[in-house]
Amino acid sequence: MTKENTAIVDFLSAKSRKSHFYFLNSQHKQTISNMTQEEKSKIEERIVDILKTVYDPEIPVNIWDLGMIYKVDLQEDGTLEMDMTFTSPSCPAADFILEDVRTKVESVEGVKTANVNLVFDPAWDQSMMSEEARVELGFD
């Protein structure tokens, strides 16, 4: 099996409060090394749009508006570096949500691979939600 066909998932100790998920996508996709900043920004907008289609099955608000995405950084070689968290470190839907995120962001034209890092520092809290999410969930 080649490196490009391998999906690596490295779960660190739960006590470390951090797990690192590293995914490699074997599909050949256009890289952004020769794209303008405007084209890169459009790809990043599509990434955000697709993240807004990912939901925690227990919460009727998408993960973007919940404030669960801490970092979206598209590198020139098409590698997407993402930091995300969950509303709880013991989220029962964690595997489902992470696979949904990985699959969807790697489907965006211009994203060659996605490194999705699960972090719990800073800890998620309600202040990280968008105004729309707070209204939807009855916090405002």
N, C-alpha and C. Protein backbone atom coordinates (compact mmCIF):
# COMPACT_ATOMS: atom_id res chain seq x y z
N MET A 1 0.85 -1.17 0.00
CA MET A 1 0.00 0.00 0.00
C MET A 1 0.90 1.24 0.00
N THR A 2 0.59 2.18 -0.89
CA THR A 2 1.40 3.38 -0.99
C THR A 2 1.01 4.38 0.09
N LYS A 3 1.91 5.32 0.29
CA LYS A 3 1.66 6.36 1.30
C LYS A 3 0.38 7.13 0.97
N GLU A 4 0.15 7.39 -0.33
CA GLU A 4 -1.02 8.14 -0.74
C GLU A 4 -2.32 7.39 -0.48
N ASN A 5 -2.25 6.06 -0.43
CA ASN A 5 -3.45 5.27 -0.22
C ASN A 5 -3.67 4.92 1.24
N THR A 6 -2.85 5.46 2.10
CA THR A 6 -2.93 5.13 3.52
C THR A 6 -3.65 6.23 4.28
N ALA A 7 -4.52 5.83 5.17
CA ALA A 7 -5.14 6.80 6.09
C ALA A 7 -4.61 6.47 7.48
N ILE A 8 -3.96 7.44 8.09
CA ILE A 8 -3.35 7.24 9.39
C ILE A 8 -4.16 7.97 10.44
N VAL A 9 -4.53 7.27 11.45
CA VAL A 9 -5.24 7.90 12.56
C VAL A 9 -4.45 7.58 13.82
N ASP A 10 -3.94 8.61 14.45
CA ASP A 10 -3.11 8.43 15.64
C ASP A 10 -3.86 8.99 16.84
N PHE A 11 -4.33 8.10 17.70
CA PHE A 11 -5.03 8.54 18.90
C PHE A 11 -4.04 8.60 20.05
N LEU A 12 -3.83 9.78 20.59
CA LEU A 12 -2.95 9.93 21.74
C LEU A 12 -3.73 9.63 23.00
N SER A 13 -3.04 9.50 24.06
CA SER A 13 -3.66 9.19 25.35
C SER A 13 -4.77 10.18 25.68
N ALA A 14 -5.86 9.66 26.19
CA ALA A 14 -6.98 10.52 26.58
C ALA A 14 -6.55 11.51 27.65
N LYS A 15 -5.56 11.13 28.44
CA LYS A 15 -5.09 12.04 29.48
C LYS A 15 -4.40 13.26 28.90
N SER A 16 -3.87 13.14 27.68
CA SER A 16 -3.20 14.29 27.08
C SER A 16 -4.21 15.32 26.59
N ARG A 17 -5.52 14.92 26.57
CA ARG A 17 -6.61 15.78 26.12
C ARG A 17 -6.42 16.27 24.70
N LYS A 18 -5.65 15.50 23.90
CA LYS A 18 -5.47 15.89 22.52
C LYS A 18 -5.29 14.63 21.68
N SER A 19 -5.98 14.58 20.58
CA SER A 19 -5.78 13.51 19.61
C SER A 19 -5.44 14.17 18.29
N HIS A 20 -4.60 13.52 17.53
CA HIS A 20 -4.19 14.06 16.24
C HIS A 20 -4.68 13.12 15.15
N PHE A 21 -5.40 13.65 14.22
CA PHE A 21 -5.91 12.86 13.11
C PHE A 21 -5.22 13.34 11.85
N TYR A 22 -4.56 12.43 11.16
CA TYR A 22 -3.82 12.77 9.96
C TYR A 22 -4.34 11.90 8.83
N PHE A 23 -4.88 12.51 7.83
CA PHE A 23 -5.48 11.77 6.73
C PHE A 23 -4.76 12.11 5.44
N LEU A 24 -4.53 11.10 4.62
CA LEU A 24 -3.95 11.31 3.30
C LEU A 24 -4.98 10.91 2.26
N ASN A 25 -5.13 11.71 1.25
CA ASN A 25 -6.08 11.43 0.18
C ASN A 25 -5.29 11.09 -1.07
N SER A 26 -5.63 9.99 -1.71
CA SER A 26 -4.88 9.53 -2.87
C SER A 26 -5.33 10.20 -4.16
N GLN A 27 -6.44 10.91 -4.14
CA GLN A 27 -6.91 11.52 -5.37
C GLN A 27 -5.97 12.64 -5.80
N HIS A 28 -5.74 12.71 -7.11
CA HIS A 28 -4.92 13.80 -7.65
C HIS A 28 -5.81 15.02 -7.79
N LYS A 29 -5.45 16.09 -7.14
CA LYS A 29 -6.22 17.32 -7.22
C LYS A 29 -5.28 18.47 -7.51
N GLN A 30 -5.84 19.50 -8.11
CA GLN A 30 -5.06 20.68 -8.43
C GLN A 30 -4.54 21.32 -7.15
N THR A 31 -3.25 21.68 -7.15
CA THR A 31 -2.70 22.37 -5.99
C THR A 31 -2.85 23.88 -6.18
N ILE A 32 -2.60 24.61 -5.12
CA ILE A 32 -2.82 26.06 -5.18
C ILE A 32 -1.52 26.85 -5.30
N SER A 33 -0.40 26.16 -5.55
CA SER A 33 0.88 26.85 -5.58
C SER A 33 0.94 27.93 -6.65
N ASN A 34 0.17 27.78 -7.72
CA ASN A 34 0.20 28.79 -8.77
C ASN A 34 -1.08 29.63 -8.79
N MET A 35 -1.86 29.58 -7.72
CA MET A 35 -3.09 30.35 -7.66
C MET A 35 -2.87 31.69 -6.98
N THR A 36 -3.75 32.61 -7.30
CA THR A 36 -3.70 33.92 -6.67
C THR A 36 -4.30 33.85 -5.27
N GLN A 37 -4.09 34.89 -4.50
CA GLN A 37 -4.67 34.96 -3.16
C GLN A 37 -6.19 34.93 -3.25
N GLU A 38 -6.74 35.56 -4.28
CA GLU A 38 -8.20 35.56 -4.46
C GLU A 38 -8.72 34.14 -4.70
N GLU A 39 -8.02 33.37 -5.52
CA GLU A 39 -8.43 31.98 -5.77
C GLU A 39 -8.31 31.14 -4.50
N LYS A 40 -7.24 31.36 -3.74
CA LYS A 40 -7.07 30.64 -2.47
C LYS A 40 -8.20 30.99 -1.51
N SER A 41 -8.56 32.27 -1.46
CA SER A 41 -9.66 32.70 -0.58
C SER A 41 -10.97 32.05 -0.98
N LYS A 42 -11.20 31.87 -2.28
CA LYS A 42 -12.42 31.21 -2.74
C LYS A 42 -12.45 29.75 -2.31
N ILE A 43 -11.31 29.08 -2.36
CA ILE A 43 -11.24 27.69 -1.89
C ILE A 43 -11.53 27.65 -0.39
N GLU A 44 -10.94 28.57 0.37
CA GLU A 44 -11.18 28.61 1.81
C GLU A 44 -12.66 28.89 2.11
N GLU A 45 -13.31 29.74 1.30
CA GLU A 45 -14.74 29.99 1.47
C GLU A 45 -15.54 28.72 1.22
N ARG A 46 -15.15 27.94 0.20
CA ARG A 46 -15.84 26.67 -0.08
C ARG A 46 -15.64 25.69 1.07
N ILE A 47 -14.45 25.72 1.68
CA ILE A 47 -14.20 24.85 2.83
C ILE A 47 -15.14 25.23 3.97
N VAL A 48 -15.26 26.52 4.25
CA VAL A 48 -16.17 26.97 5.32
C VAL A 48 -17.61 26.59 4.97
N ASP A 49 -18.00 26.79 3.71
CA ASP A 49 -19.36 26.43 3.30
C ASP A 49 -19.63 24.94 3.54
N ILE A 50 -18.66 24.10 3.22
CA ILE A 50 -18.86 22.66 3.39
C ILE A 50 -18.83 22.28 4.87
N LEU A 51 -18.04 22.99 5.68
CA LEU A 51 -18.05 22.73 7.12
C LEU A 51 -19.40 23.07 7.74
N LYS A 52 -20.11 23.99 7.11
CA LYS A 52 -21.44 24.36 7.60
C LYS A 52 -22.48 23.28 7.30
N THR A 53 -22.08 22.22 6.60
CA THR A 53 -22.99 21.09 6.34
C THR A 53 -22.73 19.93 7.28
N VAL A 54 -21.78 20.10 8.21
CA VAL A 54 -21.45 19.05 9.17
C VAL A 54 -22.13 19.38 10.50
N TYR A 55 -22.85 18.40 11.02
CA TYR A 55 -23.60 18.59 12.27
C TYR A 55 -23.22 17.53 13.29
N ASP A 56 -23.23 17.93 14.55
CA ASP A 56 -23.21 16.98 15.64
C ASP A 56 -24.64 16.43 15.69
N PRO A 57 -24.82 15.11 15.61
CA PRO A 57 -26.18 14.56 15.57
C PRO A 57 -27.05 14.94 16.77
N GLU A 58 -26.44 15.38 17.85
CA GLU A 58 -27.20 15.72 19.05
C GLU A 58 -27.55 17.20 19.14
N ILE A 59 -27.00 18.01 18.22
CA ILE A 59 -27.20 19.46 18.28
C ILE A 59 -27.64 19.95 16.90
N PRO A 60 -28.73 20.72 16.80
CA PRO A 60 -29.24 21.13 15.49
C PRO A 60 -28.54 22.35 14.89
N VAL A 61 -27.25 22.50 15.15
CA VAL A 61 -26.46 23.61 14.62
C VAL A 61 -25.17 23.02 14.05
N ASN A 62 -24.71 23.57 12.92
CA ASN A 62 -23.50 23.04 12.29
C ASN A 62 -22.25 23.36 13.11
N ILE A 63 -21.19 22.59 12.86
CA ILE A 63 -19.97 22.72 13.67
C ILE A 63 -19.27 24.06 13.48
N TRP A 64 -19.44 24.69 12.32
CA TRP A 64 -18.83 26.00 12.10
C TRP A 64 -19.48 27.03 13.02
N ASP A 65 -20.81 27.09 13.00
CA ASP A 65 -21.52 28.06 13.84
C ASP A 65 -21.43 27.74 15.32
N LEU A 66 -21.21 26.47 15.65
CA LEU A 66 -20.99 26.12 17.05
C LEU A 66 -19.63 26.61 17.55
N GLY A 67 -18.73 26.98 16.64
CA GLY A 67 -17.41 27.45 17.03
C GLY A 67 -16.44 26.31 17.30
N MET A 68 -16.71 25.16 16.72
CA MET A 68 -15.86 23.99 16.96
C MET A 68 -14.62 23.97 16.06
N ILE A 69 -14.56 24.84 15.06
CA ILE A 69 -13.40 24.91 14.17
C ILE A 69 -12.52 26.06 14.63
N TYR A 70 -11.31 25.72 15.05
CA TYR A 70 -10.38 26.73 15.56
C TYR A 70 -9.43 27.25 14.48
N LYS A 71 -9.10 26.41 13.51
CA LYS A 71 -8.14 26.84 12.49
C LYS A 71 -8.45 26.16 11.17
N VAL A 72 -8.42 26.93 10.08
CA VAL A 72 -8.49 26.43 8.71
C VAL A 72 -7.37 27.12 7.97
N ASP A 73 -6.35 26.36 7.58
CA ASP A 73 -5.18 26.95 6.94
C ASP A 73 -4.81 26.12 5.72
N LEU A 74 -5.03 26.67 4.54
CA LEU A 74 -4.73 25.98 3.29
C LEU A 74 -3.31 26.34 2.85
N GLN A 75 -2.47 25.32 2.77
CA GLN A 75 -1.08 25.51 2.37
C GLN A 75 -0.97 25.56 0.84
N GLU A 76 0.16 26.07 0.34
CA GLU A 76 0.36 26.19 -1.10
C GLU A 76 0.36 24.85 -1.83
N ASP A 77 0.72 23.77 -1.14
CA ASP A 77 0.75 22.46 -1.80
C ASP A 77 -0.61 21.76 -1.78
N GLY A 78 -1.65 22.44 -1.29
CA GLY A 78 -2.98 21.86 -1.25
C GLY A 78 -3.29 21.13 0.04
N THR A 79 -2.37 21.17 1.00
CA THR A 79 -2.60 20.55 2.30
C THR A 79 -3.45 21.48 3.16
N LEU A 80 -4.51 20.94 3.71
CA LEU A 80 -5.36 21.71 4.61
C LEU A 80 -5.02 21.34 6.04
N GLU A 81 -4.63 22.32 6.83
CA GLU A 81 -4.35 22.14 8.26
C GLU A 81 -5.55 22.68 9.02
N MET A 82 -6.19 21.82 9.78
CA MET A 82 -7.37 22.22 10.55
C MET A 82 -7.22 21.83 12.00
N ASP A 83 -7.64 22.70 12.90
CA ASP A 83 -7.79 22.39 14.31
C ASP A 83 -9.27 22.49 14.63
N MET A 84 -9.78 21.47 15.30
CA MET A 84 -11.18 21.51 15.71
C MET A 84 -11.32 20.88 17.08
N THR A 85 -12.46 21.10 17.68
CA THR A 85 -12.74 20.55 19.00
C THR A 85 -14.15 20.01 19.02
N PHE A 86 -14.57 19.52 20.15
CA PHE A 86 -15.94 19.09 20.37
C PHE A 86 -16.49 19.85 21.56
N THR A 87 -17.81 19.87 21.67
CA THR A 87 -18.43 20.55 22.80
C THR A 87 -18.14 19.82 24.10
N SER A 88 -17.75 18.55 23.99
CA SER A 88 -17.38 17.75 25.15
C SER A 88 -16.28 16.77 24.74
N PRO A 89 -15.26 16.59 25.57
CA PRO A 89 -14.21 15.62 25.23
C PRO A 89 -14.73 14.19 25.09
N SER A 90 -15.88 13.92 25.66
CA SER A 90 -16.44 12.56 25.58
C SER A 90 -17.59 12.48 24.57
N CYS A 91 -17.52 13.27 23.52
CA CYS A 91 -18.56 13.30 22.49
C CYS A 91 -18.77 11.90 21.91
N PRO A 92 -19.97 11.34 22.02
CA PRO A 92 -20.21 10.00 21.51
C PRO A 92 -20.19 9.91 19.98
N ALA A 93 -20.33 11.04 19.30
CA ALA A 93 -20.35 11.04 17.84
C ALA A 93 -19.02 11.48 17.24
N ALA A 94 -17.96 11.50 18.03
CA ALA A 94 -16.66 12.03 17.59
C ALA A 94 -16.17 11.38 16.30
N ASP A 95 -16.15 10.06 16.24
CA ASP A 95 -15.65 9.38 15.04
C ASP A 95 -16.48 9.72 13.82
N PHE A 96 -17.79 9.74 13.97
CA PHE A 96 -18.69 10.07 12.87
C PHE A 96 -18.43 11.49 12.37
N ILE A 97 -18.33 12.45 13.28
CA ILE A 97 -18.13 13.85 12.90
C ILE A 97 -16.78 14.03 12.22
N LEU A 98 -15.73 13.45 12.78
CA LEU A 98 -14.39 13.59 12.19
C LEU A 98 -14.34 13.00 10.78
N GLU A 99 -14.95 11.86 10.57
CA GLU A 99 -14.97 11.26 9.23
C GLU A 99 -15.76 12.12 8.27
N ASP A 100 -16.86 12.70 8.73
CA ASP A 100 -17.67 13.59 7.90
C ASP A 100 -16.85 14.83 7.52
N VAL A 101 -16.15 15.42 8.48
CA VAL A 101 -15.30 16.58 8.20
C VAL A 101 -14.23 16.22 7.18
N ARG A 102 -13.51 15.15 7.42
CA ARG A 102 -12.42 14.75 6.53
C ARG A 102 -12.93 14.51 5.11
N THR A 103 -13.98 13.73 4.99
CA THR A 103 -14.52 13.41 3.68
C THR A 103 -14.97 14.66 2.93
N LYS A 104 -15.65 15.53 3.63
CA LYS A 104 -16.18 16.73 2.97
C LYS A 104 -15.10 17.72 2.60
N VAL A 105 -14.14 18.00 3.47
CA VAL A 105 -13.11 18.99 3.12
C VAL A 105 -12.19 18.46 2.03
N GLU A 106 -11.96 17.15 2.00
CA GLU A 106 -11.12 16.60 0.94
C GLU A 106 -11.85 16.55 -0.40
N SER A 107 -13.16 16.77 -0.41
CA SER A 107 -13.90 16.81 -1.67
C SER A 107 -13.83 18.18 -2.33
N VAL A 108 -13.34 19.18 -1.61
CA VAL A 108 -13.25 20.53 -2.14
C VAL A 108 -12.10 20.59 -3.14
N GLU A 109 -12.39 21.07 -4.35
CA GLU A 109 -11.37 21.21 -5.38
C GLU A 109 -10.28 22.16 -4.87
N GLY A 110 -9.04 21.72 -4.95
CA GLY A 110 -7.91 22.50 -4.46
C GLY A 110 -7.34 21.96 -3.16
N VAL A 111 -8.09 21.10 -2.46
CA VAL A 111 -7.60 20.46 -1.24
C VAL A 111 -7.07 19.09 -1.62
N LYS A 112 -5.77 18.91 -1.44
CA LYS A 112 -5.14 17.64 -1.79
C LYS A 112 -5.18 16.66 -0.62
N THR A 113 -4.84 17.14 0.57
CA THR A 113 -4.89 16.32 1.78
C THR A 113 -5.43 17.18 2.92
N ALA A 114 -5.94 16.51 3.94
CA ALA A 114 -6.46 17.23 5.10
C ALA A 114 -5.85 16.66 6.37
N ASN A 115 -5.24 17.51 7.15
CA ASN A 115 -4.74 17.16 8.48
C ASN A 115 -5.71 17.79 9.48
N VAL A 116 -6.53 16.95 10.10
CA VAL A 116 -7.55 17.43 11.02
C VAL A 116 -7.09 17.09 12.44
N ASN A 117 -6.75 18.13 13.18
CA ASN A 117 -6.25 17.96 14.54
C ASN A 117 -7.37 18.20 15.54
N LEU A 118 -7.60 17.24 16.41
CA LEU A 118 -8.60 17.39 17.46
C LEU A 118 -7.90 17.95 18.69
N VAL A 119 -8.35 19.13 19.12
CA VAL A 119 -7.72 19.80 20.25
C VAL A 119 -8.78 20.16 21.29
N PHE A 120 -8.36 20.24 22.53
CA PHE A 120 -9.27 20.64 23.61
C PHE A 120 -8.71 21.81 24.39
N ASP A 121 -7.78 22.53 23.80
CA ASP A 121 -7.20 23.71 24.41
C ASP A 121 -7.17 24.80 23.35
N PRO A 122 -7.97 25.82 23.48
CA PRO A 122 -8.82 26.11 24.62
C PRO A 122 -10.06 25.22 24.62
N ALA A 123 -10.59 25.02 25.80
CA ALA A 123 -11.81 24.23 25.94
C ALA A 123 -12.97 24.99 25.29
N TRP A 124 -13.83 24.25 24.61
CA TRP A 124 -14.99 24.87 23.98
C TRP A 124 -15.95 25.37 25.05
N ASP A 125 -16.56 26.54 24.78
CA ASP A 125 -17.65 27.01 25.63
C ASP A 125 -18.65 27.77 24.77
N GLN A 126 -19.78 28.11 25.33
CA GLN A 126 -20.87 28.72 24.57
C GLN A 126 -20.52 30.05 23.93
N SER A 127 -19.53 30.74 24.47
CA SER A 127 -19.14 32.04 23.90
C SER A 127 -18.52 31.89 22.51
N MET A 128 -18.14 30.68 22.13
CA MET A 128 -17.52 30.44 20.83
C MET A 128 -18.56 30.31 19.71
N MET A 129 -19.83 30.19 20.06
CA MET A 129 -20.88 30.03 19.07
C MET A 129 -21.17 31.36 18.37
N SER A 130 -21.61 31.25 17.12
CA SER A 130 -22.06 32.44 16.40
C SER A 130 -23.36 32.93 17.03
N GLU A 131 -23.71 34.16 16.72
CA GLU A 131 -24.97 34.72 17.22
C GLU A 131 -26.14 33.87 16.76
N GLU A 132 -26.10 33.43 15.50
CA GLU A 132 -27.18 32.59 14.96
C GLU A 132 -27.32 31.30 15.76
N ALA A 133 -26.20 30.69 16.11
CA ALA A 133 -26.24 29.44 16.88
C ALA A 133 -26.82 29.67 18.26
N ARG A 134 -26.42 30.76 18.91
CA ARG A 134 -26.95 31.06 20.25
C ARG A 134 -28.46 31.26 20.21
N VAL A 135 -28.94 31.95 19.18
CA VAL A 135 -30.38 32.17 19.04
C VAL A 135 -31.08 30.84 18.77
N GLU A 136 -30.54 30.05 17.85
CA GLU A 136 -31.14 28.75 17.51
C GLU A 136 -31.26 27.84 18.73
N LEU A 137 -30.26 27.88 19.60
CA LEU A 137 -30.25 27.01 20.77
C LEU A 137 -30.89 27.64 22.01
N GLY A 138 -31.37 28.88 21.85
CA GLY A 138 -32.09 29.54 22.95
C GLY A 138 -31.21 30.15 24.01
N PHE A 139 -29.96 30.50 23.66
CA PHE A 139 -29.06 31.12 24.64
C PHE A 139 -29.15 32.63 24.62
N ASP A 140 -29.76 33.20 23.60
CA ASP A 140 -29.92 34.67 23.52
C ASP A 140 -31.38 35.02 23.35
